[in-house]
Amino acid sequence: MRQLSIILCLSLLLSACASHYGAARIVSTPPGAEVVSGEDGSSLGVTPTTVVWKDSSSNRQHLILRFQKEGYYEKVSSFWLSMRHATMEQAEEDSDLVEVVLQKKEG
C-alpha cells in the first residue's frame, strides 16, 4: 500500500512538471520578413518559418510578434496560441497558421 502511495505521488509530481507545446507556421506577404518577439525583442526567424513555444501550463498563450522588412512598414500582430501538444514534434506537425501582409513604403 505504501509503495502504491509513493507511485501515485511521483506520477502527480511528474505530470505537474510536464511541458506543453504550441507552434505557429508564420508566413508573410511578401516573404522574407524578420519575426521579432514582442516579449523580449529576440529574433524568431525569417518568414516563412515555424516557431515552437514551450510552457509548463496547457493554458492558451497570448503572443505578440513584430514583423520587419526593408522597404516595408513595421507591423505588429497578436494571436492566441493553444499549448495543446505534449511534444515539440506534435506541435510542429499541427502548427497554427499565422498570415501577415506588410505594406510597402512609398518612394
N, C-alpha and C. Protein backbone atom coordinates (compact mmCIF):
# COMPACT_ATOMS: atom_id res chain seq x y z
N MET A 1 0.82 -1.19 0.00
CA MET A 1 0.00 0.00 0.00
C MET A 1 0.87 1.27 0.00
N ARG A 2 1.92 1.24 0.82
CA ARG A 2 2.81 2.40 0.88
C ARG A 2 3.49 2.62 -0.47
N GLN A 3 3.86 1.53 -1.12
CA GLN A 3 4.51 1.63 -2.42
C GLN A 3 3.57 2.26 -3.45
N LEU A 4 2.29 1.90 -3.39
CA LEU A 4 1.30 2.47 -4.30
C LEU A 4 1.16 3.97 -4.05
N SER A 5 1.16 4.38 -2.80
CA SER A 5 1.06 5.80 -2.46
C SER A 5 2.26 6.58 -3.00
N ILE A 6 3.43 6.01 -2.89
CA ILE A 6 4.64 6.67 -3.41
C ILE A 6 4.56 6.80 -4.92
N ILE A 7 4.12 5.76 -5.59
CA ILE A 7 3.99 5.80 -7.05
C ILE A 7 2.98 6.85 -7.48
N LEU A 8 1.86 6.93 -6.79
CA LEU A 8 0.85 7.94 -7.11
C LEU A 8 1.38 9.35 -6.90
N CYS A 9 2.09 9.57 -5.81
CA CYS A 9 2.67 10.90 -5.55
C CYS A 9 3.69 11.28 -6.62
N LEU A 10 4.53 10.35 -6.99
CA LEU A 10 5.53 10.62 -8.02
C LEU A 10 4.88 10.92 -9.36
N SER A 11 3.85 10.18 -9.72
CA SER A 11 3.19 10.42 -11.00
C SER A 11 2.50 11.78 -11.01
N LEU A 12 1.93 12.19 -9.88
CA LEU A 12 1.33 13.52 -9.80
C LEU A 12 2.39 14.61 -9.93
N LEU A 13 3.51 14.44 -9.28
CA LEU A 13 4.59 15.42 -9.38
C LEU A 13 5.12 15.53 -10.79
N LEU A 14 5.32 14.40 -11.44
CA LEU A 14 5.85 14.41 -12.80
C LEU A 14 4.87 15.01 -13.78
N SER A 15 3.58 14.73 -13.61
CA SER A 15 2.60 15.30 -14.53
C SER A 15 2.45 16.80 -14.32
N ALA A 16 2.66 17.27 -13.10
CA ALA A 16 2.58 18.70 -12.83
C ALA A 16 3.73 19.45 -13.47
N CYS A 17 4.85 18.78 -13.70
CA CYS A 17 6.03 19.41 -14.30
C CYS A 17 6.08 19.21 -15.81
N ALA A 18 5.08 18.60 -16.37
CA ALA A 18 5.10 18.31 -17.80
C ALA A 18 5.11 19.60 -18.61
N SER A 19 5.79 19.55 -19.73
CA SER A 19 5.83 20.70 -20.63
C SER A 19 4.73 20.58 -21.66
N HIS A 20 4.25 21.72 -22.10
CA HIS A 20 3.23 21.78 -23.14
C HIS A 20 3.79 22.65 -24.27
N TYR A 21 3.43 22.30 -25.49
CA TYR A 21 3.98 22.98 -26.66
C TYR A 21 2.88 23.50 -27.57
N GLY A 22 3.17 24.60 -28.23
CA GLY A 22 2.31 25.15 -29.27
C GLY A 22 3.21 25.67 -30.36
N ALA A 23 2.72 25.66 -31.60
CA ALA A 23 3.55 26.13 -32.71
C ALA A 23 2.71 26.94 -33.69
N ALA A 24 3.36 27.88 -34.34
CA ALA A 24 2.72 28.69 -35.37
C ALA A 24 3.57 28.66 -36.63
N ARG A 25 2.92 28.38 -37.74
CA ARG A 25 3.54 28.49 -39.07
C ARG A 25 3.28 29.92 -39.51
N ILE A 26 4.34 30.72 -39.59
CA ILE A 26 4.21 32.15 -39.84
C ILE A 26 4.64 32.47 -41.26
N VAL A 27 3.73 33.06 -42.01
CA VAL A 27 4.02 33.46 -43.40
C VAL A 27 3.68 34.94 -43.56
N SER A 28 4.41 35.57 -44.46
CA SER A 28 4.13 36.98 -44.73
C SER A 28 4.10 37.22 -46.23
N THR A 29 3.36 38.26 -46.59
CA THR A 29 3.37 38.76 -47.95
C THR A 29 3.94 40.16 -47.88
N PRO A 30 5.12 40.38 -48.47
CA PRO A 30 5.99 39.43 -49.14
C PRO A 30 6.75 38.57 -48.11
N PRO A 31 7.31 37.44 -48.57
CA PRO A 31 8.13 36.63 -47.68
C PRO A 31 9.45 37.35 -47.36
N GLY A 32 10.17 36.85 -46.37
CA GLY A 32 11.47 37.43 -46.03
C GLY A 32 11.44 38.45 -44.92
N ALA A 33 10.32 38.54 -44.19
CA ALA A 33 10.24 39.48 -43.07
C ALA A 33 10.83 38.85 -41.82
N GLU A 34 11.57 39.64 -41.06
CA GLU A 34 12.09 39.15 -39.79
C GLU A 34 10.95 39.12 -38.78
N VAL A 35 10.85 38.03 -38.03
CA VAL A 35 9.84 37.87 -36.98
C VAL A 35 10.52 38.12 -35.64
N VAL A 36 10.01 39.09 -34.89
CA VAL A 36 10.63 39.50 -33.63
C VAL A 36 9.63 39.31 -32.49
N SER A 37 10.09 38.73 -31.40
CA SER A 37 9.24 38.52 -30.22
C SER A 37 8.86 39.86 -29.60
N GLY A 38 7.57 40.05 -29.34
CA GLY A 38 7.12 41.24 -28.66
C GLY A 38 7.43 41.21 -27.17
N GLU A 39 7.75 40.03 -26.66
CA GLU A 39 8.03 39.87 -25.24
C GLU A 39 9.44 40.31 -24.88
N ASP A 40 10.43 39.84 -25.66
CA ASP A 40 11.82 40.14 -25.29
C ASP A 40 12.66 40.72 -26.43
N GLY A 41 12.05 40.94 -27.60
CA GLY A 41 12.77 41.54 -28.71
C GLY A 41 13.71 40.61 -29.45
N SER A 42 13.68 39.32 -29.13
CA SER A 42 14.58 38.38 -29.80
C SER A 42 14.04 38.03 -31.19
N SER A 43 14.95 37.74 -32.10
CA SER A 43 14.58 37.33 -33.45
C SER A 43 14.15 35.87 -33.44
N LEU A 44 12.98 35.59 -34.02
CA LEU A 44 12.44 34.23 -34.05
C LEU A 44 12.62 33.56 -35.40
N GLY A 45 13.10 34.31 -36.39
CA GLY A 45 13.32 33.74 -37.71
C GLY A 45 12.88 34.70 -38.80
N VAL A 46 12.89 34.19 -40.02
CA VAL A 46 12.51 34.96 -41.20
C VAL A 46 11.41 34.19 -41.91
N THR A 47 10.35 34.90 -42.31
CA THR A 47 9.21 34.23 -42.95
C THR A 47 9.57 33.68 -44.31
N PRO A 48 9.00 32.52 -44.67
CA PRO A 48 8.12 31.67 -43.86
C PRO A 48 8.92 30.87 -42.85
N THR A 49 8.36 30.70 -41.67
CA THR A 49 9.03 29.96 -40.61
C THR A 49 8.01 29.34 -39.67
N THR A 50 8.43 28.32 -38.96
CA THR A 50 7.60 27.73 -37.91
C THR A 50 8.30 27.95 -36.59
N VAL A 51 7.56 28.51 -35.63
CA VAL A 51 8.12 28.80 -34.31
C VAL A 51 7.36 27.97 -33.28
N VAL A 52 8.10 27.33 -32.39
CA VAL A 52 7.51 26.50 -31.33
C VAL A 52 7.72 27.19 -29.99
N TRP A 53 6.67 27.24 -29.18
CA TRP A 53 6.74 27.79 -27.83
C TRP A 53 6.53 26.65 -26.84
N LYS A 54 7.19 26.75 -25.70
CA LYS A 54 7.10 25.74 -24.64
C LYS A 54 6.64 26.43 -23.37
N ASP A 55 5.74 25.78 -22.62
CA ASP A 55 5.25 26.35 -21.39
C ASP A 55 4.91 25.23 -20.41
N SER A 56 4.95 25.52 -19.14
CA SER A 56 4.60 24.50 -18.14
C SER A 56 3.09 24.37 -17.99
N SER A 57 2.35 25.32 -18.54
CA SER A 57 0.89 25.31 -18.45
C SER A 57 0.29 24.93 -19.80
N SER A 58 -0.87 24.31 -19.77
CA SER A 58 -1.56 24.00 -21.03
C SER A 58 -2.51 25.13 -21.42
N ASN A 59 -2.50 26.24 -20.68
CA ASN A 59 -3.36 27.38 -21.00
C ASN A 59 -2.92 28.02 -22.31
N ARG A 60 -3.88 28.63 -23.00
CA ARG A 60 -3.54 29.36 -24.22
C ARG A 60 -2.62 30.53 -23.87
N GLN A 61 -1.74 30.85 -24.80
CA GLN A 61 -0.79 31.95 -24.61
C GLN A 61 -1.13 33.08 -25.58
N HIS A 62 -1.14 34.31 -25.09
CA HIS A 62 -1.33 35.47 -25.96
C HIS A 62 0.05 35.94 -26.40
N LEU A 63 0.30 35.88 -27.69
CA LEU A 63 1.62 36.21 -28.23
C LEU A 63 1.56 37.47 -29.07
N ILE A 64 2.59 38.27 -28.98
CA ILE A 64 2.72 39.49 -29.78
C ILE A 64 4.01 39.37 -30.57
N LEU A 65 3.89 39.56 -31.89
CA LEU A 65 5.05 39.49 -32.78
C LEU A 65 5.17 40.77 -33.58
N ARG A 66 6.40 41.13 -33.90
CA ARG A 66 6.68 42.29 -34.74
C ARG A 66 7.33 41.79 -36.02
N PHE A 67 6.94 42.37 -37.15
CA PHE A 67 7.47 41.97 -38.45
C PHE A 67 8.19 43.16 -39.07
N GLN A 68 9.42 42.91 -39.57
CA GLN A 68 10.24 43.97 -40.16
C GLN A 68 10.82 43.49 -41.48
N LYS A 69 10.75 44.37 -42.47
CA LYS A 69 11.39 44.07 -43.76
C LYS A 69 11.76 45.40 -44.40
N GLU A 70 12.97 45.46 -44.93
CA GLU A 70 13.45 46.68 -45.60
C GLU A 70 12.47 47.07 -46.71
N GLY A 71 12.08 48.37 -46.72
CA GLY A 71 11.18 48.88 -47.74
C GLY A 71 9.70 48.72 -47.39
N TYR A 72 9.41 48.18 -46.20
CA TYR A 72 8.02 47.96 -45.77
C TYR A 72 7.84 48.53 -44.37
N TYR A 73 6.61 48.95 -44.07
CA TYR A 73 6.30 49.42 -42.73
C TYR A 73 6.34 48.25 -41.75
N GLU A 74 6.84 48.52 -40.55
CA GLU A 74 6.83 47.51 -39.50
C GLU A 74 5.38 47.20 -39.13
N LYS A 75 5.11 45.95 -38.83
CA LYS A 75 3.76 45.54 -38.45
C LYS A 75 3.82 44.74 -37.16
N VAL A 76 2.84 44.98 -36.28
CA VAL A 76 2.72 44.22 -35.04
C VAL A 76 1.44 43.41 -35.12
N SER A 77 1.54 42.16 -34.74
CA SER A 77 0.38 41.26 -34.79
C SER A 77 0.33 40.44 -33.51
N SER A 78 -0.88 40.16 -33.04
CA SER A 78 -1.02 39.32 -31.85
C SER A 78 -2.03 38.22 -32.11
N PHE A 79 -1.89 37.12 -31.39
CA PHE A 79 -2.80 35.99 -31.54
C PHE A 79 -2.72 35.11 -30.31
N TRP A 80 -3.72 34.26 -30.15
CA TRP A 80 -3.75 33.28 -29.07
C TRP A 80 -3.24 31.96 -29.61
N LEU A 81 -2.39 31.29 -28.85
CA LEU A 81 -1.84 30.01 -29.27
C LEU A 81 -2.17 28.95 -28.22
N SER A 82 -2.75 27.86 -28.67
CA SER A 82 -3.08 26.75 -27.79
C SER A 82 -1.83 25.93 -27.51
N MET A 83 -1.58 25.67 -26.25
CA MET A 83 -0.42 24.86 -25.83
C MET A 83 -0.92 23.43 -25.59
N ARG A 84 -1.44 22.81 -26.64
CA ARG A 84 -2.16 21.54 -26.50
C ARG A 84 -1.32 20.30 -26.78
N HIS A 85 -0.07 20.47 -27.14
CA HIS A 85 0.74 19.32 -27.55
C HIS A 85 1.72 18.88 -26.46
N ALA A 86 1.93 17.57 -26.40
CA ALA A 86 2.83 17.01 -25.39
C ALA A 86 4.29 17.04 -25.84
N THR A 87 4.53 17.13 -27.16
CA THR A 87 5.90 17.16 -27.67
C THR A 87 6.07 18.28 -28.68
N MET A 88 7.32 18.68 -28.86
CA MET A 88 7.66 19.70 -29.85
C MET A 88 7.31 19.21 -31.26
N GLU A 89 7.55 17.94 -31.52
CA GLU A 89 7.28 17.37 -32.84
C GLU A 89 5.79 17.42 -33.16
N GLN A 90 4.94 17.09 -32.18
CA GLN A 90 3.49 17.15 -32.40
C GLN A 90 3.06 18.58 -32.70
N ALA A 91 3.62 19.53 -31.97
CA ALA A 91 3.27 20.94 -32.17
C ALA A 91 3.66 21.39 -33.58
N GLU A 92 4.86 21.02 -34.03
CA GLU A 92 5.31 21.40 -35.37
C GLU A 92 4.42 20.81 -36.45
N GLU A 93 4.02 19.54 -36.28
CA GLU A 93 3.18 18.87 -37.27
C GLU A 93 1.78 19.48 -37.34
N ASP A 94 1.29 20.03 -36.23
CA ASP A 94 -0.07 20.56 -36.15
C ASP A 94 -0.05 22.05 -35.83
N SER A 95 0.86 22.78 -36.47
CA SER A 95 1.03 24.20 -36.16
C SER A 95 -0.14 25.04 -36.68
N ASP A 96 -0.43 26.12 -35.97
CA ASP A 96 -1.46 27.07 -36.38
C ASP A 96 -0.87 28.01 -37.43
N LEU A 97 -1.68 28.39 -38.42
CA LEU A 97 -1.22 29.29 -39.48
C LEU A 97 -1.44 30.74 -39.07
N VAL A 98 -0.39 31.55 -39.18
CA VAL A 98 -0.47 32.98 -38.94
C VAL A 98 0.00 33.67 -40.21
N GLU A 99 -0.89 34.46 -40.82
CA GLU A 99 -0.57 35.15 -42.07
C GLU A 99 -0.56 36.66 -41.84
N VAL A 100 0.45 37.32 -42.37
CA VAL A 100 0.60 38.77 -42.20
C VAL A 100 0.91 39.39 -43.56
N VAL A 101 0.27 40.52 -43.85
CA VAL A 101 0.54 41.26 -45.09
C VAL A 101 1.21 42.57 -44.70
N LEU A 102 2.40 42.80 -45.26
CA LEU A 102 3.15 44.03 -44.98
C LEU A 102 2.84 45.07 -46.04
N GLN A 103 2.79 46.34 -45.61
CA GLN A 103 2.51 47.44 -46.52
C GLN A 103 3.82 48.08 -46.99
N LYS A 104 3.95 48.20 -48.31
CA LYS A 104 5.17 48.77 -48.90
C LYS A 104 5.22 50.28 -48.65
N LYS A 105 6.42 50.77 -48.32
CA LYS A 105 6.62 52.21 -48.14
C LYS A 105 6.61 52.90 -49.49
N GLU A 106 6.08 54.10 -49.52
CA GLU A 106 6.06 54.90 -50.75
C GLU A 106 7.43 55.53 -50.97
N GLY A 107 7.85 55.58 -52.24
CA GLY A 107 9.08 56.29 -52.60
C GLY A 107 10.27 55.57 -52.30
